[in-house]
C-alpha cells in the first residue's frame, strides 16, 4: 500500500513538473539563448547611424528573451543599396540579423528601381525608429555662397556618396524647387570623408542630418566655420529656427507634393528592420524589445546627456508608412524624378 501511494505521489509530481515546464516554456528565449544578433549598419562606423544603432543594441539584450549577445557590422555602399540587398537576399531569416539602412534607401528604390536594387521595402519587417532626423545643408565658411540666395547665383559643390543617397538627391531637389546651383560631387564614403573634402577645399559642403552634424562638426558649428543654408524636413529643427525650410519655399501644390514625398526619409530616420521571412513571433519579440529599450531609463538618460532626440516610432507604424510610400501615385513619382534629374 505504501509503495502504491509513493508511486502515485511520484507520478503526480512528474505530471505537475511537466505541466509547469510546458506553461513557462518560452520558444523565443530558447531560440535566442547563447546566440548572437548582428546589427548591420549601412554606413561607415563612427557617425550618427552608428550612435543611433547603439542606442538600441547596447541596451536591448536585457529586453530580448534569452539575452543574446549583440554585435555590429558596417556595410556602406551605394547609398544604402549594398546593405539593403544583403539584408533582403543573403542575411539569415531567423531573427539573428537586424539592419539599419541609410534613410534615403526606401525613397531611392521607388525612384530608381535599378536592377541592382534587389529588395522590396514593404517586405522588410520594420522594427522601429530610434530617431527621426532633421536634414540640413551645411557649407564651409569659405564656400562661394553660404545662403540660399547666394547659391542661386554661384555654384556650390556638395559632397555626396551614391545616387540613391540623400546627399545626392536633396541638392538636386533644391535646385529644382528654388533654382539654386548646388552640384553633387559623387564618390565620398561616409560623413567624415565628406567633411574633410570641404575643409580641404575639394567641395564646399554636404547635406546631412542634425545628429550627424552635431556628432562630427560640433566645434566648427559653434565657431561659425560651418554654416547652415537650408532645412529639408516636415518641420524646422527647433534649434535652427532661422534656417529656411524647403517646404515653406515651394510655390505650387505640385512642388509641395514633391517635397512632401522627398521628406519621407527624415521620417524614416534611424530605423531598424529585419529581413523578410523571419518568423512572425520573432518579429513581434524584437519589436516589443525595441519598444522597451526606447523606454529604458538608461537610454533616455544617455540621449539627454548627448543632446540626441529619440522618438521610438513602432514597427507597425513604420510598416504602414512603407505601404503608403509604395502606393504613391505614379504622377507624383514622375514629378519627383523630373525634379532631381532621374531618367
C-alpha atoms as a PDB file:
ATOM      1  CA  UNK A   1       0.000   0.000   0.000  1.00  0.00           C
ATOM      2  CA  UNK A   2       2.779   2.380   0.904  1.00  0.00           C
ATOM      3  CA  UNK A   3       4.578   1.518  -2.318  1.00  0.00           C
ATOM      4  CA  UNK A   4       1.439   2.248  -4.320  1.00  0.00           C
ATOM      5  CA  UNK A   5       0.961   5.588  -2.523  1.00  0.00           C
ATOM      6  CA  UNK A   6       4.589   6.522  -3.171  1.00  0.00           C
ATOM      7  CA  UNK A   7       4.309   5.687  -6.865  1.00  0.00           C
ATOM      8  CA  UNK A   8       1.136   7.710  -7.146  1.00  0.00           C
ATOM      9  CA  UNK A   9       2.766  10.666  -5.429  1.00  0.00           C
ATOM     10  CA  UNK A  10       5.814  10.376  -7.677  1.00  0.00           C
ATOM     11  CA  UNK A  11       3.635  10.228 -10.794  1.00  0.00           C
ATOM     12  CA  UNK A  12       1.681  13.267  -9.693  1.00  0.00           C
ATOM     13  CA  UNK A  13       4.893  15.161  -9.071  1.00  0.00           C
ATOM     14  CA  UNK A  14       6.254  14.262 -12.507  1.00  0.00           C
ATOM     15  CA  UNK A  15       2.998  15.309 -14.173  1.00  0.00           C
ATOM     16  CA  UNK A  16       2.955  18.559 -12.237  1.00  0.00           C
ATOM     17  CA  UNK A  17       6.534  19.246 -13.172  1.00  0.00           C
ATOM     18  CA  UNK A  18       5.852  18.510 -16.825  1.00  0.00           C
ATOM     19  CA  UNK A  19       2.801  20.728 -16.767  1.00  0.00           C
ATOM     20  CA  UNK A  20       4.708  23.507 -15.051  1.00  0.00           C
ATOM     21  CA  UNK A  21       7.527  23.313 -17.590  1.00  0.00           C
ATOM     22  CA  UNK A  22       5.130  23.429 -20.527  1.00  0.00           C
ATOM     23  CA  UNK A  23       3.453  26.510 -19.064  1.00  0.00           C
ATOM     24  CA  UNK A  24       6.655  28.509 -18.647  1.00  0.00           C
ATOM     25  CA  UNK A  25       8.458  27.309 -21.784  1.00  0.00           C
ATOM     26  CA  UNK A  26       9.434  30.292 -23.960  1.00  0.00           C
ATOM     27  CA  UNK A  27      10.378  29.449 -27.555  1.00  0.00           C
ATOM     28  CA  UNK A  28      11.787  32.972 -28.054  1.00  0.00           C
ATOM     29  CA  UNK A  29      14.084  32.637 -25.046  1.00  0.00           C
ATOM     30  CA  UNK A  30      15.042  29.118 -26.103  1.00  0.00           C
ATOM     31  CA  UNK A  31      15.982  30.371 -29.561  1.00  0.00           C
ATOM     32  CA  UNK A  32      17.989  33.434 -28.539  1.00  0.00           C
ATOM     33  CA  UNK A  33      19.789  31.879 -25.579  1.00  0.00           C
ATOM     34  CA  UNK A  34      23.527  31.667 -26.308  1.00  0.00           C
ATOM     35  CA  UNK A  35      23.011  33.203 -29.761  1.00  0.00           C
ATOM     36  CA  UNK A  36      24.391  36.400 -31.296  1.00  0.00           C
ATOM     37  CA  UNK A  37      22.391  39.114 -33.044  1.00  0.00           C
ATOM     38  CA  UNK A  38      24.299  41.124 -35.641  1.00  0.00           C
ATOM     39  CA  UNK A  39      23.181  44.669 -36.392  1.00  0.00           C
ATOM     40  CA  UNK A  40      24.121  45.609 -39.958  1.00  0.00           C
ATOM     41  CA  UNK A  41      24.630  49.374 -40.251  1.00  0.00           C
ATOM     42  CA  UNK A  42      24.519  50.570 -43.850  1.00  0.00           C
ATOM     43  CA  UNK A  43      27.173  53.263 -43.436  1.00  0.00           C
ATOM     44  CA  UNK A  44      30.693  53.516 -42.055  1.00  0.00           C
ATOM     45  CA  UNK A  45      31.347  53.271 -38.321  1.00  0.00           C
ATOM     46  CA  UNK A  46      31.649  56.310 -36.114  1.00  0.00           C
ATOM     47  CA  UNK A  47      28.849  58.563 -37.320  1.00  0.00           C
ATOM     48  CA  UNK A  48      25.272  59.300 -36.344  1.00  0.00           C
ATOM     49  CA  UNK A  49      23.912  55.992 -37.664  1.00  0.00           C
ATOM     50  CA  UNK A  50      26.415  54.143 -35.505  1.00  0.00           C
ATOM     51  CA  UNK A  51      25.371  56.214 -32.490  1.00  0.00           C
ATOM     52  CA  UNK A  52      21.680  55.527 -33.018  1.00  0.00           C
ATOM     53  CA  UNK A  53      22.202  51.828 -33.717  1.00  0.00           C
ATOM     54  CA  UNK A  54      23.944  51.580 -30.358  1.00  0.00           C
ATOM     55  CA  UNK A  55      21.085  53.280 -28.559  1.00  0.00           C
ATOM     56  CA  UNK A  56      19.228  50.064 -29.308  1.00  0.00           C
ATOM     57  CA  UNK A  57      21.988  47.473 -29.477  1.00  0.00           C
ATOM     58  CA  UNK A  58      23.876  48.410 -26.329  1.00  0.00           C
ATOM     59  CA  UNK A  59      20.770  48.140 -24.167  1.00  0.00           C
ATOM     60  CA  UNK A  60      18.449  45.677 -25.929  1.00  0.00           C
ATOM     61  CA  UNK A  61      19.990  42.492 -24.559  1.00  0.00           C
ATOM     62  CA  UNK A  62      18.049  42.568 -21.316  1.00  0.00           C
ATOM     63  CA  UNK A  63      14.787  43.223 -23.193  1.00  0.00           C
ATOM     64  CA  UNK A  64      15.111  40.261 -25.583  1.00  0.00           C
ATOM     65  CA  UNK A  65      14.143  36.903 -24.110  1.00  0.00           C
ATOM     66  CA  UNK A  66      17.191  34.653 -23.970  1.00  0.00           C
ATOM     67  CA  UNK A  67      19.501  37.689 -23.682  1.00  0.00           C
ATOM     68  CA  UNK A  68      21.552  37.213 -26.859  1.00  0.00           C
ATOM     69  CA  UNK A  69      24.900  38.880 -27.451  1.00  0.00           C
ATOM     70  CA  UNK A  70      24.625  41.857 -29.830  1.00  0.00           C
ATOM     71  CA  UNK A  71      27.414  42.897 -32.195  1.00  0.00           C
ATOM     72  CA  UNK A  72      27.757  45.396 -35.054  1.00  0.00           C
ATOM     73  CA  UNK A  73      28.844  45.115 -38.663  1.00  0.00           C
ATOM     74  CA  UNK A  74      29.235  48.062 -41.029  1.00  0.00           C
ATOM     75  CA  UNK A  75      28.292  47.719 -44.698  1.00  0.00           C
ATOM     76  CA  UNK A  76      28.462  51.034 -46.591  1.00  0.00           C
ATOM     77  CA  UNK A  77      27.935  51.208 -50.323  1.00  0.00           C
ATOM     78  CA  UNK A  78      25.631  52.688 -52.950  1.00  0.00           C
ATOM     79  CA  UNK A  79      23.725  54.997 -50.618  1.00  0.00           C
ATOM     80  CA  UNK A  80      22.437  52.040 -48.591  1.00  0.00           C
ATOM     81  CA  UNK A  81      21.796  49.681 -51.517  1.00  0.00           C
ATOM     82  CA  UNK A  82      24.578  47.235 -50.618  1.00  0.00           C
ATOM     83  CA  UNK A  83      23.281  46.637 -47.099  1.00  0.00           C
ATOM     84  CA  UNK A  84      19.639  46.530 -48.256  1.00  0.00           C
ATOM     85  CA  UNK A  85      20.457  43.860 -50.842  1.00  0.00           C
ATOM     86  CA  UNK A  86      22.351  41.849 -48.244  1.00  0.00           C
ATOM     87  CA  UNK A  87      19.568  42.015 -45.684  1.00  0.00           C
ATOM     88  CA  UNK A  88      16.905  41.129 -48.234  1.00  0.00           C
ATOM     89  CA  UNK A  89      18.666  38.333 -50.109  1.00  0.00           C
ATOM     90  CA  UNK A  90      21.591  36.959 -48.098  1.00  0.00           C
ATOM     91  CA  UNK A  91      21.146  37.529 -44.362  1.00  0.00           C
ATOM     92  CA  UNK A  92      19.705  34.682 -42.274  1.00  0.00           C
ATOM     93  CA  UNK A  93      15.943  34.963 -41.994  1.00  0.00           C
ATOM     94  CA  UNK A  94      15.785  33.678 -38.454  1.00  0.00           C
ATOM     95  CA  UNK A  95      15.859  36.888 -36.397  1.00  0.00           C
ATOM     96  CA  UNK A  96      19.612  36.949 -35.763  1.00  0.00           C
ATOM     97  CA  UNK A  97      20.331  39.837 -38.150  1.00  0.00           C
ATOM     98  CA  UNK A  98      18.880  43.336 -37.822  1.00  0.00           C
ATOM     99  CA  UNK A  99      19.564  46.194 -40.223  1.00  0.00           C
ATOM    100  CA  UNK A 100      19.757  49.983 -40.133  1.00  0.00           C
ATOM    101  CA  UNK A 101      19.706  51.373 -43.671  1.00  0.00           C
ATOM    102  CA  UNK A 102      20.656  54.810 -44.947  1.00  0.00           C
ATOM    103  CA  UNK A 103      17.435  56.796 -44.509  1.00  0.00           C
ATOM    104  CA  UNK A 104      17.072  57.596 -48.218  1.00  0.00           C
ATOM    105  CA  UNK A 105      17.242  53.983 -49.386  1.00  0.00           C
ATOM    106  CA  UNK A 106      13.479  53.380 -49.441  1.00  0.00           C
ATOM    107  CA  UNK A 107      12.710  56.506 -51.472  1.00  0.00           C
ATOM    108  CA  UNK A 108      15.698  55.836 -53.711  1.00  0.00           C
ATOM    109  CA  UNK A 109      14.307  52.396 -54.534  1.00  0.00           C
ATOM    110  CA  UNK A 110      10.959  53.842 -55.641  1.00  0.00           C
ATOM    111  CA  UNK A 111      12.615  56.495 -57.749  1.00  0.00           C
ATOM    112  CA  UNK A 112      15.322  54.479 -59.458  1.00  0.00           C
ATOM    113  CA  UNK A 113      14.327  50.809 -59.138  1.00  0.00           C
ATOM    114  CA  UNK A 114      17.598  49.885 -60.807  1.00  0.00           C
ATOM    115  CA  UNK A 115      18.210  46.155 -61.441  1.00  0.00           C
ATOM    116  CA  UNK A 116      20.918  46.181 -58.771  1.00  0.00           C
ATOM    117  CA  UNK A 117      18.342  47.236 -56.157  1.00  0.00           C
ATOM    118  CA  UNK A 118      17.131  43.765 -55.300  1.00  0.00           C
ATOM    119  CA  UNK A 119      14.722  44.428 -52.455  1.00  0.00           C
ATOM    120  CA  UNK A 120      11.124  45.427 -51.730  1.00  0.00           C
ATOM    121  CA  UNK A 121      10.728  47.999 -48.942  1.00  0.00           C
ATOM    122  CA  UNK A 122       7.278  46.685 -47.975  1.00  0.00           C
ATOM    123  CA  UNK A 123       8.544  43.146 -47.354  1.00  0.00           C
ATOM    124  CA  UNK A 124      11.156  44.027 -44.792  1.00  0.00           C
ATOM    125  CA  UNK A 125       9.914  43.602 -41.222  1.00  0.00           C
ATOM    126  CA  UNK A 126      10.316  47.103 -39.807  1.00  0.00           C
ATOM    127  CA  UNK A 127      11.195  47.167 -36.119  1.00  0.00           C
ATOM    128  CA  UNK A 128      11.059  50.815 -35.105  1.00  0.00           C
ATOM    129  CA  UNK A 129      12.604  54.261 -35.407  1.00  0.00           C
ATOM    130  CA  UNK A 130      15.293  55.192 -32.926  1.00  0.00           C
ATOM    131  CA  UNK A 131      15.101  58.817 -34.002  1.00  0.00           C
ATOM    132  CA  UNK A 132      13.647  60.958 -36.773  1.00  0.00           C
ATOM    133  CA  UNK A 133      16.021  63.330 -38.486  1.00  0.00           C
ATOM    134  CA  UNK A 134      16.282  66.966 -39.483  1.00  0.00           C
ATOM    135  CA  UNK A 135      18.230  67.352 -42.708  1.00  0.00           C
ATOM    136  CA  UNK A 136      20.378  70.437 -43.248  1.00  0.00           C
ATOM    137  CA  UNK A 137      22.689  71.717 -45.964  1.00  0.00           C
ATOM    138  CA  UNK A 138      25.932  72.633 -44.257  1.00  0.00           C
ATOM    139  CA  UNK A 139      28.507  74.725 -46.111  1.00  0.00           C
ATOM    140  CA  UNK A 140      32.020  75.708 -45.111  1.00  0.00           C
ATOM    141  CA  UNK A 141      32.569  79.388 -44.390  1.00  0.00           C
ATOM    142  CA  UNK A 142      34.921  79.679 -47.401  1.00  0.00           C
ATOM    143  CA  UNK A 143      32.265  78.446 -49.851  1.00  0.00           C
ATOM    144  CA  UNK A 144      31.310  80.727 -52.779  1.00  0.00           C
ATOM    145  CA  UNK A 145      27.847  81.003 -51.217  1.00  0.00           C
ATOM    146  CA  UNK A 146      26.620  80.179 -47.710  1.00  0.00           C
ATOM    147  CA  UNK A 147      22.941  81.084 -48.164  1.00  0.00           C
ATOM    148  CA  UNK A 148      20.128  80.011 -50.466  1.00  0.00           C
ATOM    149  CA  UNK A 149      20.134  83.419 -52.111  1.00  0.00           C
ATOM    150  CA  UNK A 150      23.857  83.132 -52.773  1.00  0.00           C
ATOM    151  CA  UNK A 151      23.519  79.599 -54.141  1.00  0.00           C
ATOM    152  CA  UNK A 152      21.058  80.889 -56.720  1.00  0.00           C
ATOM    153  CA  UNK A 153      23.902  82.926 -58.210  1.00  0.00           C
ATOM    154  CA  UNK A 154      27.020  80.812 -57.627  1.00  0.00           C
ATOM    155  CA  UNK A 155      27.757  77.101 -57.984  1.00  0.00           C
ATOM    156  CA  UNK A 156      28.270  75.248 -54.694  1.00  0.00           C
ATOM    157  CA  UNK A 157      29.886  71.807 -54.764  1.00  0.00           C
ATOM    158  CA  UNK A 158      28.201  69.340 -52.412  1.00  0.00           C
ATOM    159  CA  UNK A 159      29.996  66.132 -51.401  1.00  0.00           C
ATOM    160  CA  UNK A 160      27.862  63.021 -51.995  1.00  0.00           C
ATOM    161  CA  UNK A 161      28.112  59.238 -51.773  1.00  0.00           C
ATOM    162  CA  UNK A 162      25.829  57.390 -54.227  1.00  0.00           C
ATOM    163  CA  UNK A 163      22.967  58.465 -56.479  1.00  0.00           C
ATOM    164  CA  UNK A 164      20.466  56.756 -54.168  1.00  0.00           C
ATOM    165  CA  UNK A 165      21.696  58.775 -51.207  1.00  0.00           C
ATOM    166  CA  UNK A 166      20.081  61.925 -49.861  1.00  0.00           C
ATOM    167  CA  UNK A 167      23.498  63.582 -50.207  1.00  0.00           C
ATOM    168  CA  UNK A 168      22.931  63.415 -53.977  1.00  0.00           C
ATOM    169  CA  UNK A 169      19.144  63.617 -54.225  1.00  0.00           C
ATOM    170  CA  UNK A 170      18.481  66.601 -51.943  1.00  0.00           C
ATOM    171  CA  UNK A 171      20.821  69.093 -53.681  1.00  0.00           C
ATOM    172  CA  UNK A 172      19.119  68.171 -56.966  1.00  0.00           C
ATOM    173  CA  UNK A 173      15.737  68.713 -55.340  1.00  0.00           C
ATOM    174  CA  UNK A 174      16.703  72.130 -54.004  1.00  0.00           C
ATOM    175  CA  UNK A 175      17.875  73.166 -57.461  1.00  0.00           C
ATOM    176  CA  UNK A 176      14.507  72.237 -58.975  1.00  0.00           C
ATOM    177  CA  UNK A 177      12.359  73.896 -56.319  1.00  0.00           C
ATOM    178  CA  UNK A 178      14.462  77.001 -55.688  1.00  0.00           C
ATOM    179  CA  UNK A 179      16.675  77.488 -58.731  1.00  0.00           C
ATOM    180  CA  UNK A 180      19.875  77.051 -56.744  1.00  0.00           C
ATOM    181  CA  UNK A 181      23.167  75.838 -58.243  1.00  0.00           C
ATOM    182  CA  UNK A 182      24.158  73.028 -55.906  1.00  0.00           C
ATOM    183  CA  UNK A 183      26.310  70.446 -57.692  1.00  0.00           C
ATOM    184  CA  UNK A 184      26.669  66.976 -56.085  1.00  0.00           C
ATOM    185  CA  UNK A 185      30.167  65.511 -56.308  1.00  0.00           C
ATOM    186  CA  UNK A 186      29.991  61.710 -56.046  1.00  0.00           C
ATOM    187  CA  UNK A 187      32.417  59.239 -54.550  1.00  0.00           C
ATOM    188  CA  UNK A 188      32.801  60.208 -50.885  1.00  0.00           C
ATOM    189  CA  UNK A 189      32.363  57.306 -48.479  1.00  0.00           C
ATOM    190  CA  UNK A 190      30.879  58.488 -45.231  1.00  0.00           C
ATOM    191  CA  UNK A 191      30.275  61.797 -43.469  1.00  0.00           C
ATOM    192  CA  UNK A 192      33.864  62.020 -42.239  1.00  0.00           C
ATOM    193  CA  UNK A 193      35.279  61.909 -45.775  1.00  0.00           C
ATOM    194  CA  UNK A 194      32.731  64.467 -46.936  1.00  0.00           C
ATOM    195  CA  UNK A 195      33.615  66.834 -44.105  1.00  0.00           C
ATOM    196  CA  UNK A 196      37.303  66.601 -44.935  1.00  0.00           C
ATOM    197  CA  UNK A 197      36.511  67.317 -48.583  1.00  0.00           C
ATOM    198  CA  UNK A 198      35.056  70.745 -47.914  1.00  0.00           C
ATOM    199  CA  UNK A 199      37.548  71.599 -45.189  1.00  0.00           C
ATOM    200  CA  UNK A 200      40.310  70.895 -47.736  1.00  0.00           C
ATOM    201  CA  UNK A 201      38.577  72.873 -50.454  1.00  0.00           C
ATOM    202  CA  UNK A 202      37.681  69.923 -52.719  1.00  0.00           C
ATOM    203  CA  UNK A 203      33.990  70.686 -52.221  1.00  0.00           C
ATOM    204  CA  UNK A 204      32.070  73.366 -50.358  1.00  0.00           C
ATOM    205  CA  UNK A 205      29.643  71.425 -48.176  1.00  0.00           C
ATOM    206  CA  UNK A 206      27.279  68.492 -47.892  1.00  0.00           C
ATOM    207  CA  UNK A 207      23.797  67.574 -46.789  1.00  0.00           C
ATOM    208  CA  UNK A 208      23.346  65.709 -43.532  1.00  0.00           C
ATOM    209  CA  UNK A 209      21.144  65.161 -40.518  1.00  0.00           C
ATOM    210  CA  UNK A 210      21.421  67.374 -37.488  1.00  0.00           C
ATOM    211  CA  UNK A 211      22.609  64.430 -35.390  1.00  0.00           C
ATOM    212  CA  UNK A 212      25.400  63.778 -37.892  1.00  0.00           C
ATOM    213  CA  UNK A 213      26.454  67.424 -37.939  1.00  0.00           C
ATOM    214  CA  UNK A 214      26.362  67.659 -34.184  1.00  0.00           C
ATOM    215  CA  UNK A 215      28.365  64.465 -33.726  1.00  0.00           C
ATOM    216  CA  UNK A 216      31.014  65.232 -36.324  1.00  0.00           C
ATOM    217  CA  UNK A 217      31.279  69.013 -36.513  1.00  0.00           C
ATOM    218  CA  UNK A 218      30.121  70.427 -33.173  1.00  0.00           C
ATOM    219  CA  UNK A 219      33.134  72.713 -32.551  1.00  0.00           C
ATOM    220  CA  UNK A 220      33.032  74.090 -36.112  1.00  0.00           C
ATOM    221  CA  UNK A 221      29.319  74.851 -35.756  1.00  0.00           C
ATOM    222  CA  UNK A 222      29.973  76.777 -32.538  1.00  0.00           C
ATOM    223  CA  UNK A 223      32.846  78.696 -34.109  1.00  0.00           C
ATOM    224  CA  UNK A 224      30.754  79.716 -37.121  1.00  0.00           C
ATOM    225  CA  UNK A 225      33.065  77.978 -39.603  1.00  0.00           C
ATOM    226  CA  UNK A 226      30.191  75.732 -40.648  1.00  0.00           C
ATOM    227  CA  UNK A 227      27.007  77.460 -41.724  1.00  0.00           C
ATOM    228  CA  UNK A 228      23.561  76.027 -42.451  1.00  0.00           C
ATOM    229  CA  UNK A 229      21.777  77.187 -45.583  1.00  0.00           C
ATOM    230  CA  UNK A 230      18.612  75.050 -45.832  1.00  0.00           C
ATOM    231  CA  UNK A 231      16.496  72.507 -43.948  1.00  0.00           C
ATOM    232  CA  UNK A 232      14.662  69.598 -45.577  1.00  0.00           C
ATOM    233  CA  UNK A 233      12.135  68.038 -43.203  1.00  0.00           C
ATOM    234  CA  UNK A 234       8.395  68.209 -42.477  1.00  0.00           C
ATOM    235  CA  UNK A 235       9.112  70.933 -39.888  1.00  0.00           C
ATOM    236  CA  UNK A 236      12.022  73.055 -38.711  1.00  0.00           C
ATOM    237  CA  UNK A 237      14.588  71.899 -36.209  1.00  0.00           C
ATOM    238  CA  UNK A 238      13.758  73.964 -33.109  1.00  0.00           C
ATOM    239  CA  UNK A 239      17.486  74.616 -32.627  1.00  0.00           C
ATOM    240  CA  UNK A 240      17.691  76.342 -36.034  1.00  0.00           C
ATOM    241  CA  UNK A 241      14.525  78.426 -36.375  1.00  0.00           C
ATOM    242  CA  UNK A 242      16.149  80.946 -38.721  1.00  0.00           C
ATOM    243  CA  UNK A 243      17.356  78.428 -41.307  1.00  0.00           C
ATOM    244  CA  UNK A 244      14.782  78.304 -44.160  1.00  0.00           C
ATOM    245  CA  UNK A 245      12.679  75.166 -44.624  1.00  0.00           C
ATOM    246  CA  UNK A 246      12.307  73.883 -48.179  1.00  0.00           C
ATOM    247  CA  UNK A 247       8.583  73.097 -47.950  1.00  0.00           C
ATOM    248  CA  UNK A 248       7.938  76.736 -46.918  1.00  0.00           C
ATOM    249  CA  UNK A 249       9.667  77.934 -50.086  1.00  0.00           C
ATOM    250  CA  UNK A 250       7.767  75.672 -52.508  1.00  0.00           C
ATOM    251  CA  UNK A 251       5.457  77.870 -54.571  1.00  0.00           C
ATOM    252  CA  UNK A 252       2.969  75.422 -56.098  1.00  0.00           C
ATOM    253  CA  UNK A 253       0.958  72.408 -54.937  1.00  0.00           C
ATOM    254  CA  UNK A 254       2.885  70.196 -57.345  1.00  0.00           C
ATOM    255  CA  UNK A 255       6.163  71.369 -55.834  1.00  0.00           C
ATOM    256  CA  UNK A 256       4.832  70.853 -52.302  1.00  0.00           C
ATOM    257  CA  UNK A 257       3.773  67.298 -53.220  1.00  0.00           C
ATOM    258  CA  UNK A 258       7.308  66.660 -54.461  1.00  0.00           C
ATOM    259  CA  UNK A 259       8.861  68.000 -51.258  1.00  0.00           C
ATOM    260  CA  UNK A 260       6.381  66.042 -49.095  1.00  0.00           C
ATOM    261  CA  UNK A 261       7.401  62.831 -50.836  1.00  0.00           C
ATOM    262  CA  UNK A 262      11.066  63.650 -50.512  1.00  0.00           C
ATOM    263  CA  UNK A 263      10.875  64.361 -46.769  1.00  0.00           C
ATOM    264  CA  UNK A 264       9.834  60.759 -46.051  1.00  0.00           C
ATOM    265  CA  UNK A 265      13.490  59.824 -45.395  1.00  0.00           C
ATOM    266  CA  UNK A 266      13.546  62.214 -42.441  1.00  0.00           C
ATOM    267  CA  UNK A 267      10.527  60.375 -41.012  1.00  0.00           C
ATOM    268  CA  UNK A 268      12.294  57.044 -41.548  1.00  0.00           C
ATOM    269  CA  UNK A 269      15.363  58.463 -39.857  1.00  0.00           C
ATOM    270  CA  UNK A 270      17.456  55.915 -37.984  1.00  0.00           C
ATOM    271  CA  UNK A 271      15.163  52.903 -38.310  1.00  0.00           C
ATOM    272  CA  UNK A 272      15.759  49.218 -37.661  1.00  0.00           C
ATOM    273  CA  UNK A 273      14.398  46.324 -39.692  1.00  0.00           C
ATOM    274  CA  UNK A 274      14.505  42.556 -40.013  1.00  0.00           C
ATOM    275  CA  UNK A 275      14.828  40.664 -43.301  1.00  0.00           C
ATOM    276  CA  UNK A 276      11.671  39.276 -44.949  1.00  0.00           C
ATOM    277  CA  UNK A 277      10.735  35.754 -43.944  1.00  0.00           C
ATOM    278  CA  UNK A 278      11.633  35.995 -40.250  1.00  0.00           C
ATOM    279  CA  UNK A 279       9.059  34.039 -38.189  1.00  0.00           C
ATOM    280  CA  UNK A 280       6.291  36.355 -37.039  1.00  0.00           C
ATOM    281  CA  UNK A 281       6.754  35.511 -33.365  1.00  0.00           C
ATOM    282  CA  UNK A 282      10.392  36.608 -33.506  1.00  0.00           C
ATOM    283  CA  UNK A 283       9.485  39.783 -35.404  1.00  0.00           C
ATOM    284  CA  UNK A 284       6.998  40.639 -32.665  1.00  0.00           C
ATOM    285  CA  UNK A 285       9.539  39.797 -29.963  1.00  0.00           C
ATOM    286  CA  UNK A 286      12.159  42.122 -31.462  1.00  0.00           C
ATOM    287  CA  UNK A 287       9.589  44.879 -31.976  1.00  0.00           C
ATOM    288  CA  UNK A 288       8.487  44.722 -28.360  1.00  0.00           C
ATOM    289  CA  UNK A 289      12.113  44.576 -27.216  1.00  0.00           C
ATOM    290  CA  UNK A 290      12.723  47.727 -29.259  1.00  0.00           C
ATOM    291  CA  UNK A 291       9.760  49.471 -27.618  1.00  0.00           C
ATOM    292  CA  UNK A 292      11.028  48.524 -24.172  1.00  0.00           C
ATOM    293  CA  UNK A 293      14.570  49.610 -24.980  1.00  0.00           C
ATOM    294  CA  UNK A 294      13.441  53.047 -26.100  1.00  0.00           C
ATOM    295  CA  UNK A 295      11.691  53.447 -22.732  1.00  0.00           C
ATOM    296  CA  UNK A 296      14.697  52.135 -20.799  1.00  0.00           C
ATOM    297  CA  UNK A 297      15.800  54.807 -18.286  1.00  0.00           C
ATOM    298  CA  UNK A 298      19.438  54.229 -19.282  1.00  0.00           C
ATOM    299  CA  UNK A 299      18.654  55.010 -22.914  1.00  0.00           C
ATOM    300  CA  UNK A 300      16.583  58.061 -22.001  1.00  0.00           C
ATOM    301  CA  UNK A 301      19.396  59.351 -19.777  1.00  0.00           C
ATOM    302  CA  UNK A 302      22.019  58.677 -22.465  1.00  0.00           C
ATOM    303  CA  UNK A 303      20.016  60.559 -25.087  1.00  0.00           C
ATOM    304  CA  UNK A 304      19.583  63.508 -22.747  1.00  0.00           C
ATOM    305  CA  UNK A 305      23.297  63.533 -21.909  1.00  0.00           C
ATOM    306  CA  UNK A 306      24.285  63.541 -25.588  1.00  0.00           C
ATOM    307  CA  UNK A 307      21.595  66.004 -26.621  1.00  0.00           C
ATOM    308  CA  UNK A 308      20.053  63.462 -29.018  1.00  0.00           C
ATOM    309  CA  UNK A 309      16.332  63.209 -29.720  1.00  0.00           C
ATOM    310  CA  UNK A 310      14.894  59.692 -29.689  1.00  0.00           C
ATOM    311  CA  UNK A 311      11.347  59.168 -30.928  1.00  0.00           C
ATOM    312  CA  UNK A 312      10.590  55.462 -30.822  1.00  0.00           C
ATOM    313  CA  UNK A 313       8.003  55.081 -33.612  1.00  0.00           C
ATOM    314  CA  UNK A 314       6.861  51.467 -33.603  1.00  0.00           C
ATOM    315  CA  UNK A 315       7.497  48.829 -36.208  1.00  0.00           C
ATOM    316  CA  UNK A 316       3.821  48.737 -37.045  1.00  0.00           C
ATOM    317  CA  UNK A 317       3.827  52.490 -37.741  1.00  0.00           C
ATOM    318  CA  UNK A 318       6.875  52.148 -39.990  1.00  0.00           C
ATOM    319  CA  UNK A 319       5.364  49.196 -41.832  1.00  0.00           C
ATOM    320  CA  UNK A 320       2.266  51.275 -42.579  1.00  0.00           C
ATOM    321  CA  UNK A 321       4.461  54.163 -43.778  1.00  0.00           C
ATOM    322  CA  UNK A 322       6.249  51.857 -46.233  1.00  0.00           C
ATOM    323  CA  UNK A 323       2.941  50.600 -47.659  1.00  0.00           C
ATOM    324  CA  UNK A 324       1.750  54.198 -48.072  1.00  0.00           C
ATOM    325  CA  UNK A 325       5.054  55.220 -49.673  1.00  0.00           C
ATOM    326  CA  UNK A 326       4.945  52.330 -52.140  1.00  0.00           C
ATOM    327  CA  UNK A 327       1.410  53.413 -53.149  1.00  0.00           C
ATOM    328  CA  UNK A 328       2.485  56.937 -54.119  1.00  0.00           C
ATOM    329  CA  UNK A 329       0.687  57.933 -57.359  1.00  0.00           C
ATOM    330  CA  UNK A 330       2.887  57.456 -60.438  1.00  0.00           C
ATOM    331  CA  UNK A 331       2.327  61.083 -61.403  1.00  0.00           C
ATOM    332  CA  UNK A 332       3.966  62.262 -58.184  1.00  0.00           C
ATOM    333  CA  UNK A 333       6.865  59.825 -58.621  1.00  0.00           C
ATOM    334  CA  UNK A 334       7.344  61.095 -62.194  1.00  0.00           C
ATOM    335  CA  UNK A 335       7.387  64.703 -60.999  1.00  0.00           C
ATOM    336  CA  UNK A 336       9.960  63.827 -58.362  1.00  0.00           C
ATOM    337  CA  UNK A 337      12.109  62.015 -60.902  1.00  0.00           C
ATOM    338  CA  UNK A 338      11.961  65.047 -63.177  1.00  0.00           C
ATOM    339  CA  UNK A 339      12.793  67.324 -60.261  1.00  0.00           C
ATOM    340  CA  UNK A 340      16.007  65.506 -59.396  1.00  0.00           C
ATOM    341  CA  UNK A 341      17.018  64.720 -62.966  1.00  0.00           C
ATOM    342  CA  UNK A 342      16.409  60.972 -62.986  1.00  0.00           C
ATOM    343  CA  UNK A 343      15.791  59.500 -66.435  1.00  0.00           C
END
